[in-house]
Amino acid sequence: MTEWVTGLGALSMGALLGGIFFGGLWWTVRKSLVSERPALWILTSLLLRMGITLAGFYWVGNGHWERLILCLFGFLIVRQLITRRLKPGEPICTLAQTR
């Protein structure tokens, strides 16, 4: 029974990490379009998102490959959900429409 709880926790943590990573990416792209220093936004965001995500995967895995796979699965589920929600190809802000 505890294996199911641990697996569900790893899956949930992967979903949380995916939300942080891809939500942060979406927020960064929106901010960089109107920023005077878009490269600084993108680089800082990349380092922060990657650091949080890698630390989270390391913490969840804790030497167990099964947990790591479940965490990755949760991460990829959130990626699919965010991709479908944001409908690729549509402009993400009004500034992109005027260019």
PDB file of N, CA and C in Angstrom:
ATOM      1  N   MET A   1       0.828  -1.205   0.000  1.00  0.00           N
ATOM      2  CA  MET A   1       0.000   0.000   0.000  1.00  0.00           C
ATOM      3  C   MET A   1       0.871   1.267   0.000  1.00  0.00           C
ATOM      4  N   THR A   2       1.966   1.224   0.741  1.00  0.00           N
ATOM      5  CA  THR A   2       2.822   2.418   0.788  1.00  0.00           C
ATOM      6  C   THR A   2       3.488   2.685  -0.558  1.00  0.00           C
ATOM      7  N   GLU A   3       3.678   1.637  -1.370  1.00  0.00           N
ATOM      8  CA  GLU A   3       4.268   1.842  -2.689  1.00  0.00           C
ATOM      9  C   GLU A   3       3.343   2.656  -3.581  1.00  0.00           C
ATOM     10  N   TRP A   4       2.033   2.434  -3.457  1.00  0.00           N
ATOM     11  CA  TRP A   4       1.056   3.213  -4.228  1.00  0.00           C
ATOM     12  C   TRP A   4       1.075   4.671  -3.800  1.00  0.00           C
ATOM     13  N   VAL A   5       1.157   4.889  -2.509  1.00  0.00           N
ATOM     14  CA  VAL A   5       1.178   6.262  -1.994  1.00  0.00           C
ATOM     15  C   VAL A   5       2.454   6.966  -2.446  1.00  0.00           C
ATOM     16  N   THR A   6       3.570   6.262  -2.362  1.00  0.00           N
ATOM     17  CA  THR A   6       4.835   6.839  -2.813  1.00  0.00           C
ATOM     18  C   THR A   6       4.805   7.124  -4.311  1.00  0.00           C
ATOM     19  N   GLY A   7       4.239   6.200  -5.085  1.00  0.00           N
ATOM     20  CA  GLY A   7       4.132   6.399  -6.529  1.00  0.00           C
ATOM     21  C   GLY A   7       3.238   7.569  -6.880  1.00  0.00           C
ATOM     22  N   LEU A   8       2.125   7.674  -6.180  1.00  0.00           N
ATOM     23  CA  LEU A   8       1.217   8.797  -6.415  1.00  0.00           C
ATOM     24  C   LEU A   8       1.877  10.121  -6.034  1.00  0.00           C
ATOM     25  N   GLY A   9       2.666  10.097  -4.970  1.00  0.00           N
ATOM     26  CA  GLY A   9       3.401  11.299  -4.569  1.00  0.00           C
ATOM     27  C   GLY A   9       4.421  11.704  -5.614  1.00  0.00           C
ATOM     28  N   ALA A  10       5.124  10.720  -6.185  1.00  0.00           N
ATOM     29  CA  ALA A  10       6.114  11.016  -7.227  1.00  0.00           C
ATOM     30  C   ALA A  10       5.436  11.566  -8.476  1.00  0.00           C
ATOM     31  N   LEU A  11       4.291  10.978  -8.840  1.00  0.00           N
ATOM     32  CA  LEU A  11       3.538  11.465  -9.998  1.00  0.00           C
ATOM     33  C   LEU A  11       3.049  12.896  -9.768  1.00  0.00           C
ATOM     34  N   SER A  12       2.547  13.154  -8.579  1.00  0.00           N
ATOM     35  CA  SER A  12       2.065  14.497  -8.236  1.00  0.00           C
ATOM     36  C   SER A  12       3.202  15.514  -8.216  1.00  0.00           C
ATOM     37  N   MET A  13       4.336  15.097  -7.684  1.00  0.00           N
ATOM     38  CA  MET A  13       5.478  16.006  -7.642  1.00  0.00           C
ATOM     39  C   MET A  13       5.975  16.315  -9.054  1.00  0.00           C
ATOM     40  N   GLY A  14       5.924  15.321  -9.942  1.00  0.00           N
ATOM     41  CA  GLY A  14       6.287  15.560 -11.336  1.00  0.00           C
ATOM     42  C   GLY A  14       5.342  16.549 -11.990  1.00  0.00           C
ATOM     43  N   ALA A  15       4.057  16.425 -11.672  1.00  0.00           N
ATOM     44  CA  ALA A  15       3.079  17.376 -12.213  1.00  0.00           C
ATOM     45  C   ALA A  15       3.346  18.781 -11.682  1.00  0.00           C
ATOM     46  N   LEU A  16       3.684  18.882 -10.420  1.00  0.00           N
ATOM     47  CA  LEU A  16       4.003  20.189  -9.838  1.00  0.00           C
ATOM     48  C   LEU A  16       5.244  20.784 -10.503  1.00  0.00           C
ATOM     49  N   LEU A  17       6.271  19.962 -10.679  1.00  0.00           N
ATOM     50  CA  LEU A  17       7.487  20.440 -11.350  1.00  0.00           C
ATOM     51  C   LEU A  17       7.206  20.853 -12.787  1.00  0.00           C
ATOM     52  N   GLY A  18       6.360  20.097 -13.463  1.00  0.00           N
ATOM     53  CA  GLY A  18       5.974  20.464 -14.823  1.00  0.00           C
ATOM     54  C   GLY A  18       5.228  21.784 -14.859  1.00  0.00           C
ATOM     55  N   GLY A  19       4.350  21.979 -13.894  1.00  0.00           N
ATOM     56  CA  GLY A  19       3.624  23.248 -13.812  1.00  0.00           C
ATOM     57  C   GLY A  19       4.554  24.421 -13.578  1.00  0.00           C
ATOM     58  N   ILE A  20       5.523  24.232 -12.708  1.00  0.00           N
ATOM     59  CA  ILE A  20       6.498  25.293 -12.448  1.00  0.00           C
ATOM     60  C   ILE A  20       7.336  25.563 -13.697  1.00  0.00           C
ATOM     61  N   PHE A  21       7.817  24.485 -14.334  1.00  0.00           N
ATOM     62  CA  PHE A  21       8.699  24.656 -15.491  1.00  0.00           C
ATOM     63  C   PHE A  21       7.973  25.286 -16.677  1.00  0.00           C
ATOM     64  N   PHE A  22       6.867  24.693 -17.096  1.00  0.00           N
ATOM     65  CA  PHE A  22       6.189  25.172 -18.300  1.00  0.00           C
ATOM     66  C   PHE A  22       5.360  26.432 -18.033  1.00  0.00           C
ATOM     67  N   GLY A  23       4.828  26.569 -16.835  1.00  0.00           N
ATOM     68  CA  GLY A  23       4.162  27.816 -16.476  1.00  0.00           C
ATOM     69  C   GLY A  23       5.159  28.962 -16.422  1.00  0.00           C
ATOM     70  N   GLY A  24       6.345  28.679 -15.884  1.00  0.00           N
ATOM     71  CA  GLY A  24       7.406  29.685 -15.860  1.00  0.00           C
ATOM     72  C   GLY A  24       7.885  30.052 -17.250  1.00  0.00           C
ATOM     73  N   LEU A  25       7.940  29.069 -18.125  1.00  0.00           N
ATOM     74  CA  LEU A  25       8.325  29.336 -19.515  1.00  0.00           C
ATOM     75  C   LEU A  25       7.301  30.238 -20.193  1.00  0.00           C
ATOM     76  N   TRP A  26       6.032  29.945 -20.015  1.00  0.00           N
ATOM     77  CA  TRP A  26       4.963  30.764 -20.598  1.00  0.00           C
ATOM     78  C   TRP A  26       5.044  32.198 -20.072  1.00  0.00           C
ATOM     79  N   TRP A  27       5.231  32.339 -18.754  1.00  0.00           N
ATOM     80  CA  TRP A  27       5.313  33.656 -18.134  1.00  0.00           C
ATOM     81  C   TRP A  27       6.539  34.415 -18.659  1.00  0.00           C
ATOM     82  N   THR A  28       7.659  33.714 -18.814  1.00  0.00           N
ATOM     83  CA  THR A  28       8.891  34.344 -19.301  1.00  0.00           C
ATOM     84  C   THR A  28       8.729  34.858 -20.728  1.00  0.00           C
ATOM     85  N   VAL A  29       8.118  34.062 -21.568  1.00  0.00           N
ATOM     86  CA  VAL A  29       7.925  34.496 -22.956  1.00  0.00           C
ATOM     87  C   VAL A  29       7.051  35.747 -22.997  1.00  0.00           C
ATOM     88  N   ARG A  30       5.998  35.759 -22.212  1.00  0.00           N
ATOM     89  CA  ARG A  30       5.129  36.951 -22.173  1.00  0.00           C
ATOM     90  C   ARG A  30       5.887  38.174 -21.691  1.00  0.00           C
ATOM     91  N   LYS A  31       6.684  38.027 -20.639  1.00  0.00           N
ATOM     92  CA  LYS A  31       7.450  39.149 -20.097  1.00  0.00           C
ATOM     93  C   LYS A  31       8.537  39.610 -21.058  1.00  0.00           C
ATOM     94  N   SER A  32       9.180  38.665 -21.730  1.00  0.00           N
ATOM     95  CA  SER A  32      10.297  39.044 -22.603  1.00  0.00           C
ATOM     96  C   SER A  32       9.830  39.804 -23.839  1.00  0.00           C
ATOM     97  N   LEU A  33       8.579  39.623 -24.238  1.00  0.00           N
ATOM     98  CA  LEU A  33       8.074  40.344 -25.409  1.00  0.00           C
ATOM     99  C   LEU A  33       7.940  41.840 -25.164  1.00  0.00           C
ATOM    100  N   VAL A  34       7.740  42.234 -23.930  1.00  0.00           N
ATOM    101  CA  VAL A  34       7.560  43.649 -23.624  1.00  0.00           C
ATOM    102  C   VAL A  34       8.716  44.230 -22.812  1.00  0.00           C
ATOM    103  N   SER A  35       9.731  43.442 -22.555  1.00  0.00           N
ATOM    104  CA  SER A  35      10.853  43.876 -21.738  1.00  0.00           C
ATOM    105  C   SER A  35      11.893  44.606 -22.571  1.00  0.00           C
ATOM    106  N   GLU A  36      12.640  45.478 -21.912  1.00  0.00           N
ATOM    107  CA  GLU A  36      13.749  46.151 -22.575  1.00  0.00           C
ATOM    108  C   GLU A  36      14.971  45.243 -22.641  1.00  0.00           C
ATOM    109  N   ARG A  37      15.018  44.217 -21.787  1.00  0.00           N
ATOM    110  CA  ARG A  37      16.133  43.262 -21.743  1.00  0.00           C
ATOM    111  C   ARG A  37      15.598  41.837 -21.806  1.00  0.00           C
ATOM    112  N   PRO A  38      15.112  41.412 -22.943  1.00  0.00           N
ATOM    113  CA  PRO A  38      14.516  40.075 -23.030  1.00  0.00           C
ATOM    114  C   PRO A  38      15.527  38.946 -22.801  1.00  0.00           C
ATOM    115  N   ALA A  39      16.762  39.137 -23.213  1.00  0.00           N
ATOM    116  CA  ALA A  39      17.759  38.074 -23.038  1.00  0.00           C
ATOM    117  C   ALA A  39      18.012  37.803 -21.561  1.00  0.00           C
ATOM    118  N   LEU A  40      18.006  38.851 -20.753  1.00  0.00           N
ATOM    119  CA  LEU A  40      18.195  38.680 -19.310  1.00  0.00           C
ATOM    120  C   LEU A  40      17.032  37.904 -18.693  1.00  0.00           C
ATOM    121  N   TRP A  41      15.820  38.220 -19.094  1.00  0.00           N
ATOM    122  CA  TRP A  41      14.642  37.484 -18.617  1.00  0.00           C
ATOM    123  C   TRP A  41      14.736  36.004 -18.978  1.00  0.00           C
ATOM    124  N   ILE A  42      15.075  35.740 -20.236  1.00  0.00           N
ATOM    125  CA  ILE A  42      15.097  34.362 -20.719  1.00  0.00           C
ATOM    126  C   ILE A  42      16.207  33.557 -20.045  1.00  0.00           C
ATOM    127  N   LEU A  43      17.399  34.129 -19.936  1.00  0.00           N
ATOM    128  CA  LEU A  43      18.505  33.416 -19.317  1.00  0.00           C
ATOM    129  C   LEU A  43      18.254  33.160 -17.831  1.00  0.00           C
ATOM    130  N   THR A  44      17.801  34.178 -17.122  1.00  0.00           N
ATOM    131  CA  THR A  44      17.522  34.019 -15.698  1.00  0.00           C
ATOM    132  C   THR A  44      16.426  32.988 -15.465  1.00  0.00           C
ATOM    133  N   SER A  45      15.396  33.063 -16.257  1.00  0.00           N
ATOM    134  CA  SER A  45      14.298  32.111 -16.125  1.00  0.00           C
ATOM    135  C   SER A  45      14.761  30.689 -16.419  1.00  0.00           C
ATOM    136  N   LEU A  46      15.565  30.524 -17.449  1.00  0.00           N
ATOM    137  CA  LEU A  46      16.071  29.193 -17.801  1.00  0.00           C
ATOM    138  C   LEU A  46      16.860  28.595 -16.650  1.00  0.00           C
ATOM    139  N   LEU A  47      17.774  29.362 -16.100  1.00  0.00           N
ATOM    140  CA  LEU A  47      18.590  28.856 -15.000  1.00  0.00           C
ATOM    141  C   LEU A  47      17.748  28.523 -13.778  1.00  0.00           C
ATOM    142  N   LEU A  48      16.798  29.373 -13.460  1.00  0.00           N
ATOM    143  CA  LEU A  48      15.942  29.139 -12.297  1.00  0.00           C
ATOM    144  C   LEU A  48      15.029  27.931 -12.514  1.00  0.00           C
ATOM    145  N   ARG A  49      14.382  27.860 -13.667  1.00  0.00           N
ATOM    146  CA  ARG A  49      13.479  26.726 -13.945  1.00  0.00           C
ATOM    147  C   ARG A  49      14.230  25.408 -13.995  1.00  0.00           C
ATOM    148  N   MET A  50      15.388  25.390 -14.650  1.00  0.00           N
ATOM    149  CA  MET A  50      16.177  24.159 -14.720  1.00  0.00           C
ATOM    150  C   MET A  50      16.687  23.744 -13.344  1.00  0.00           C
ATOM    151  N   GLY A  51      17.127  24.707 -12.551  1.00  0.00           N
ATOM    152  CA  GLY A  51      17.612  24.397 -11.209  1.00  0.00           C
ATOM    153  C   GLY A  51      16.525  23.786 -10.340  1.00  0.00           C
ATOM    154  N   ILE A  52      15.345  24.395 -10.355  1.00  0.00           N
ATOM    155  CA  ILE A  52      14.230  23.878  -9.560  1.00  0.00           C
ATOM    156  C   ILE A  52      13.825  22.490 -10.044  1.00  0.00           C
ATOM    157  N   THR A  53      13.730  22.327 -11.353  1.00  0.00           N
ATOM    158  CA  THR A  53      13.297  21.050 -11.917  1.00  0.00           C
ATOM    159  C   THR A  53      14.305  19.933 -11.637  1.00  0.00           C
ATOM    160  N   LEU A  54      15.568  20.190 -11.860  1.00  0.00           N
ATOM    161  CA  LEU A  54      16.580  19.160 -11.611  1.00  0.00           C
ATOM    162  C   LEU A  54      16.678  18.810 -10.138  1.00  0.00           C
ATOM    163  N   ALA A  55      16.622  19.808  -9.270  1.00  0.00           N
ATOM    164  CA  ALA A  55      16.646  19.529  -7.830  1.00  0.00           C
ATOM    165  C   ALA A  55      15.421  18.721  -7.419  1.00  0.00           C
ATOM    166  N   GLY A  56      14.265  19.048  -7.985  1.00  0.00           N
ATOM    167  CA  GLY A  56      13.045  18.306  -7.679  1.00  0.00           C
ATOM    168  C   GLY A  56      13.113  16.863  -8.132  1.00  0.00           C
ATOM    169  N   PHE A  57      13.609  16.631  -9.344  1.00  0.00           N
ATOM    170  CA  PHE A  57      13.761  15.263  -9.843  1.00  0.00           C
ATOM    171  C   PHE A  57      14.747  14.477  -8.980  1.00  0.00           C
ATOM    172  N   TYR A  58      15.838  15.111  -8.597  1.00  0.00           N
ATOM    173  CA  TYR A  58      16.835  14.455  -7.760  1.00  0.00           C
ATOM    174  C   TYR A  58      16.236  14.082  -6.405  1.00  0.00           C
ATOM    175  N   TRP A  59      15.477  15.002  -5.833  1.00  0.00           N
ATOM    176  CA  TRP A  59      14.867  14.765  -4.529  1.00  0.00           C
ATOM    177  C   TRP A  59      13.809  13.663  -4.595  1.00  0.00           C
ATOM    178  N   VAL A  60      12.979  13.686  -5.623  1.00  0.00           N
ATOM    179  CA  VAL A  60      11.922  12.678  -5.768  1.00  0.00           C
ATOM    180  C   VAL A  60      12.526  11.306  -6.049  1.00  0.00           C
ATOM    181  N   GLY A  61      13.515  11.242  -6.943  1.00  0.00           N
ATOM    182  CA  GLY A  61      14.107   9.960  -7.313  1.00  0.00           C
ATOM    183  C   GLY A  61      14.772   9.270  -6.137  1.00  0.00           C
ATOM    184  N   ASN A  62      15.611   9.985  -5.423  1.00  0.00           N
ATOM    185  CA  ASN A  62      16.259   9.492  -4.210  1.00  0.00           C
ATOM    186  C   ASN A  62      16.810   8.072  -4.386  1.00  0.00           C
ATOM    187  N   GLY A  63      17.379   7.791  -5.555  1.00  0.00           N
ATOM    188  CA  GLY A  63      17.967   6.487  -5.803  1.00  0.00           C
ATOM    189  C   GLY A  63      17.002   5.416  -6.274  1.00  0.00           C
ATOM    190  N   HIS A  64      15.746   5.760  -6.505  1.00  0.00           N
ATOM    191  CA  HIS A  64      14.740   4.801  -6.962  1.00  0.00           C
ATOM    192  C   HIS A  64      14.306   5.174  -8.379  1.00  0.00           C
ATOM    193  N   TRP A  65      14.646   4.353  -9.341  1.00  0.00           N
ATOM    194  CA  TRP A  65      14.327   4.675 -10.726  1.00  0.00           C
ATOM    195  C   TRP A  65      12.826   4.673 -10.974  1.00  0.00           C
ATOM    196  N   GLU A  66      12.066   3.880 -10.213  1.00  0.00           N
ATOM    197  CA  GLU A  66      10.613   3.825 -10.408  1.00  0.00           C
ATOM    198  C   GLU A  66       9.970   5.182 -10.102  1.00  0.00           C
ATOM    199  N   ARG A  67      10.422   5.792  -9.017  1.00  0.00           N
ATOM    200  CA  ARG A  67       9.902   7.125  -8.656  1.00  0.00           C
ATOM    201  C   ARG A  67      10.281   8.151  -9.708  1.00  0.00           C
ATOM    202  N   LEU A  68      11.487   8.024 -10.222  1.00  0.00           N
ATOM    203  CA  LEU A  68      11.955   8.963 -11.237  1.00  0.00           C
ATOM    204  C   LEU A  68      11.113   8.866 -12.508  1.00  0.00           C
ATOM    205  N   ILE A  69      10.764   7.666 -12.908  1.00  0.00           N
ATOM    206  CA  ILE A  69       9.925   7.466 -14.094  1.00  0.00           C
ATOM    207  C   ILE A  69       8.533   8.051 -13.864  1.00  0.00           C
ATOM    208  N   LEU A  70       7.961   7.817 -12.686  1.00  0.00           N
ATOM    209  CA  LEU A  70       6.633   8.370 -12.383  1.00  0.00           C
ATOM    210  C   LEU A  70       6.663   9.897 -12.333  1.00  0.00           C
ATOM    211  N   CYS A  71       7.738  10.445 -11.796  1.00  0.00           N
ATOM    212  CA  CYS A  71       7.885  11.901 -11.752  1.00  0.00           C
ATOM    213  C   CYS A  71       7.975  12.467 -13.172  1.00  0.00           C
ATOM    214  N   LEU A  72       8.736  11.819 -14.028  1.00  0.00           N
ATOM    215  CA  LEU A  72       8.839  12.238 -15.423  1.00  0.00           C
ATOM    216  C   LEU A  72       7.494  12.136 -16.125  1.00  0.00           C
ATOM    217  N   PHE A  73       6.743  11.081 -15.840  1.00  0.00           N
ATOM    218  CA  PHE A  73       5.427  10.905 -16.442  1.00  0.00           C
ATOM    219  C   PHE A  73       4.485  12.055 -16.032  1.00  0.00           C
ATOM    220  N   GLY A  74       4.488  12.433 -14.760  1.00  0.00           N
ATOM    221  CA  GLY A  74       3.688  13.568 -14.306  1.00  0.00           C
ATOM    222  C   GLY A  74       4.114  14.862 -14.969  1.00  0.00           C
ATOM    223  N   PHE A  75       5.419  15.036 -15.130  1.00  0.00           N
ATOM    224  CA  PHE A  75       5.975  16.215 -15.796  1.00  0.00           C
ATOM    225  C   PHE A  75       5.480  16.306 -17.239  1.00  0.00           C
ATOM    226  N   LEU A  76       5.512  15.177 -17.951  1.00  0.00           N
ATOM    227  CA  LEU A  76       5.092  15.159 -19.348  1.00  0.00           C
ATOM    228  C   LEU A  76       3.577  15.307 -19.510  1.00  0.00           C
ATOM    229  N   ILE A  77       2.811  14.820 -18.555  1.00  0.00           N
ATOM    230  CA  ILE A  77       1.355  15.011 -18.592  1.00  0.00           C
ATOM    231  C   ILE A  77       1.030  16.499 -18.534  1.00  0.00           C
ATOM    232  N   VAL A  78       1.687  17.206 -17.634  1.00  0.00           N
ATOM    233  CA  VAL A  78       1.448  18.654 -17.513  1.00  0.00           C
ATOM    234  C   VAL A  78       1.890  19.372 -18.778  1.00  0.00           C
ATOM    235  N   ARG A  79       2.972  18.922 -19.388  1.00  0.00           N
ATOM    236  CA  ARG A  79       3.415  19.531 -20.648  1.00  0.00           C
ATOM    237  C   ARG A  79       2.324  19.409 -21.704  1.00  0.00           C
ATOM    238  N   GLN A  80       1.738  18.231 -21.826  1.00  0.00           N
ATOM    239  CA  GLN A  80       0.662  18.026 -22.798  1.00  0.00           C
ATOM    240  C   GLN A  80      -0.549  18.907 -22.481  1.00  0.00           C
ATOM    241  N   LEU A  81      -0.915  18.978 -21.207  1.00  0.00           N
ATOM    242  CA  LEU A  81      -2.079  19.787 -20.820  1.00  0.00           C
ATOM    243  C   LEU A  81      -1.858  21.266 -21.111  1.00  0.00           C
ATOM    244  N   ILE A  82      -0.679  21.765 -20.786  1.00  0.00           N
ATOM    245  CA  ILE A  82      -0.392  23.182 -21.034  1.00  0.00           C
ATOM    246  C   ILE A  82      -0.331  23.462 -22.531  1.00  0.00           C
ATOM    247  N   THR A  83       0.258  22.552 -23.293  1.00  0.00           N
ATOM    248  CA  THR A  83       0.336  22.737 -24.746  1.00  0.00           C
ATOM    249  C   THR A  83      -1.052  22.793 -25.359  1.00  0.00           C
ATOM    250  N   ARG A  84      -1.939  21.918 -24.940  1.00  0.00           N
ATOM    251  CA  ARG A  84      -3.305  21.944 -25.479  1.00  0.00           C
ATOM    252  C   ARG A  84      -4.073  23.167 -25.003  1.00  0.00           C
ATOM    253  N   ARG A  85      -3.837  23.584 -23.780  1.00  0.00           N
ATOM    254  CA  ARG A  85      -4.555  24.737 -23.225  1.00  0.00           C
ATOM    255  C   ARG A  85      -4.164  26.032 -23.924  1.00  0.00           C
ATOM    256  N   LEU A  86      -2.886  26.164 -24.256  1.00  0.00           N
ATOM    257  CA  LEU A  86      -2.405  27.409 -24.854  1.00  0.00           C
ATOM    258  C   LEU A  86      -2.530  27.433 -26.366  1.00  0.00           C
ATOM    259  N   LYS A  87      -2.916  26.347 -26.987  1.00  0.00           N
ATOM    260  CA  LYS A  87      -3.151  26.264 -28.429  1.00  0.00           C
ATOM    261  C   LYS A  87      -2.003  26.877 -29.225  1.00  0.00           C
ATOM    262  N   PRO A  88      -0.980  26.094 -29.536  1.00  0.00           N
ATOM    263  CA  PRO A  88       0.172  26.615 -30.279  1.00  0.00           C
ATOM    264  C   PRO A  88      -0.247  27.237 -31.610  1.00  0.00           C
ATOM    265  N   GLY A  89       0.457  28.263 -31.983  1.00  0.00           N
ATOM    266  CA  GLY A  89       0.171  28.937 -33.240  1.00  0.00           C
ATOM    267  C   GLY A  89      -0.599  30.226 -33.044  1.00  0.00           C
ATOM    268  N   GLU A  90      -1.314  30.343 -31.933  1.00  0.00           N
ATOM    269  CA  GLU A  90      -2.027  31.584 -31.642  1.00  0.00           C
ATOM    270  C   GLU A  90      -1.080  32.541 -30.936  1.00  0.00           C
ATOM    271  N   PRO A  91      -1.190  33.840 -31.187  1.00  0.00           N
ATOM    272  CA  PRO A  91      -0.328  34.797 -30.502  1.00  0.00           C
ATOM    273  C   PRO A  91      -0.617  34.796 -29.003  1.00  0.00           C
ATOM    274  N   ILE A  92       0.441  34.969 -28.201  1.00  0.00           N
ATOM    275  CA  ILE A  92       0.260  34.915 -26.756  1.00  0.00           C
ATOM    276  C   ILE A  92      -0.043  36.276 -26.139  1.00  0.00           C
ATOM    277  N   CYS A  93       0.128  37.333 -26.910  1.00  0.00           N
ATOM    278  CA  CYS A  93      -0.269  38.643 -26.403  1.00  0.00           C
ATOM    279  C   CYS A  93      -0.557  39.561 -27.589  1.00  0.00           C
ATOM    280  N   THR A  94      -1.135  40.697 -27.316  1.00  0.00           N
ATOM    281  CA  THR A  94      -1.522  41.608 -28.384  1.00  0.00           C
ATOM    282  C   THR A  94      -0.323  42.212 -29.087  1.00  0.00           C
ATOM    283  N   LEU A  95       0.823  42.320 -28.405  1.00  0.00           N
ATOM    284  CA  LEU A  95       2.024  42.862 -29.026  1.00  0.00           C
ATOM    285  C   LEU A  95       2.471  41.984 -30.183  1.00  0.00           C
ATOM    286  N   ALA A  96       2.349  40.667 -30.020  1.00  0.00           N
ATOM    287  CA  ALA A  96       2.763  39.744 -31.085  1.00  0.00           C
ATOM    288  C   ALA A  96       1.846  39.880 -32.309  1.00  0.00           C
ATOM    289  N   GLN A  97       0.632  40.315 -32.113  1.00  0.00           N
ATOM    290  CA  GLN A  97      -0.294  40.466 -33.237  1.00  0.00           C
ATOM    291  C   GLN A  97       0.063  41.674 -34.105  1.00  0.00           C
ATOM    292  N   THR A  98       0.658  42.709 -33.522  1.00  0.00           N
ATOM    293  CA  THR A  98       0.937  43.926 -34.269  1.00  0.00           C
ATOM    294  C   THR A  98       2.246  43.834 -35.036  1.00  0.00           C
ATOM    295  N   ARG A  99       3.080  42.871 -34.728  1.00  0.00           N
ATOM    296  CA  ARG A  99       4.386  42.772 -35.417  1.00  0.00           C
ATOM    297  C   ARG A  99       4.308  42.015 -36.673  1.00  0.00           C
TER     298      ARG A  99
END
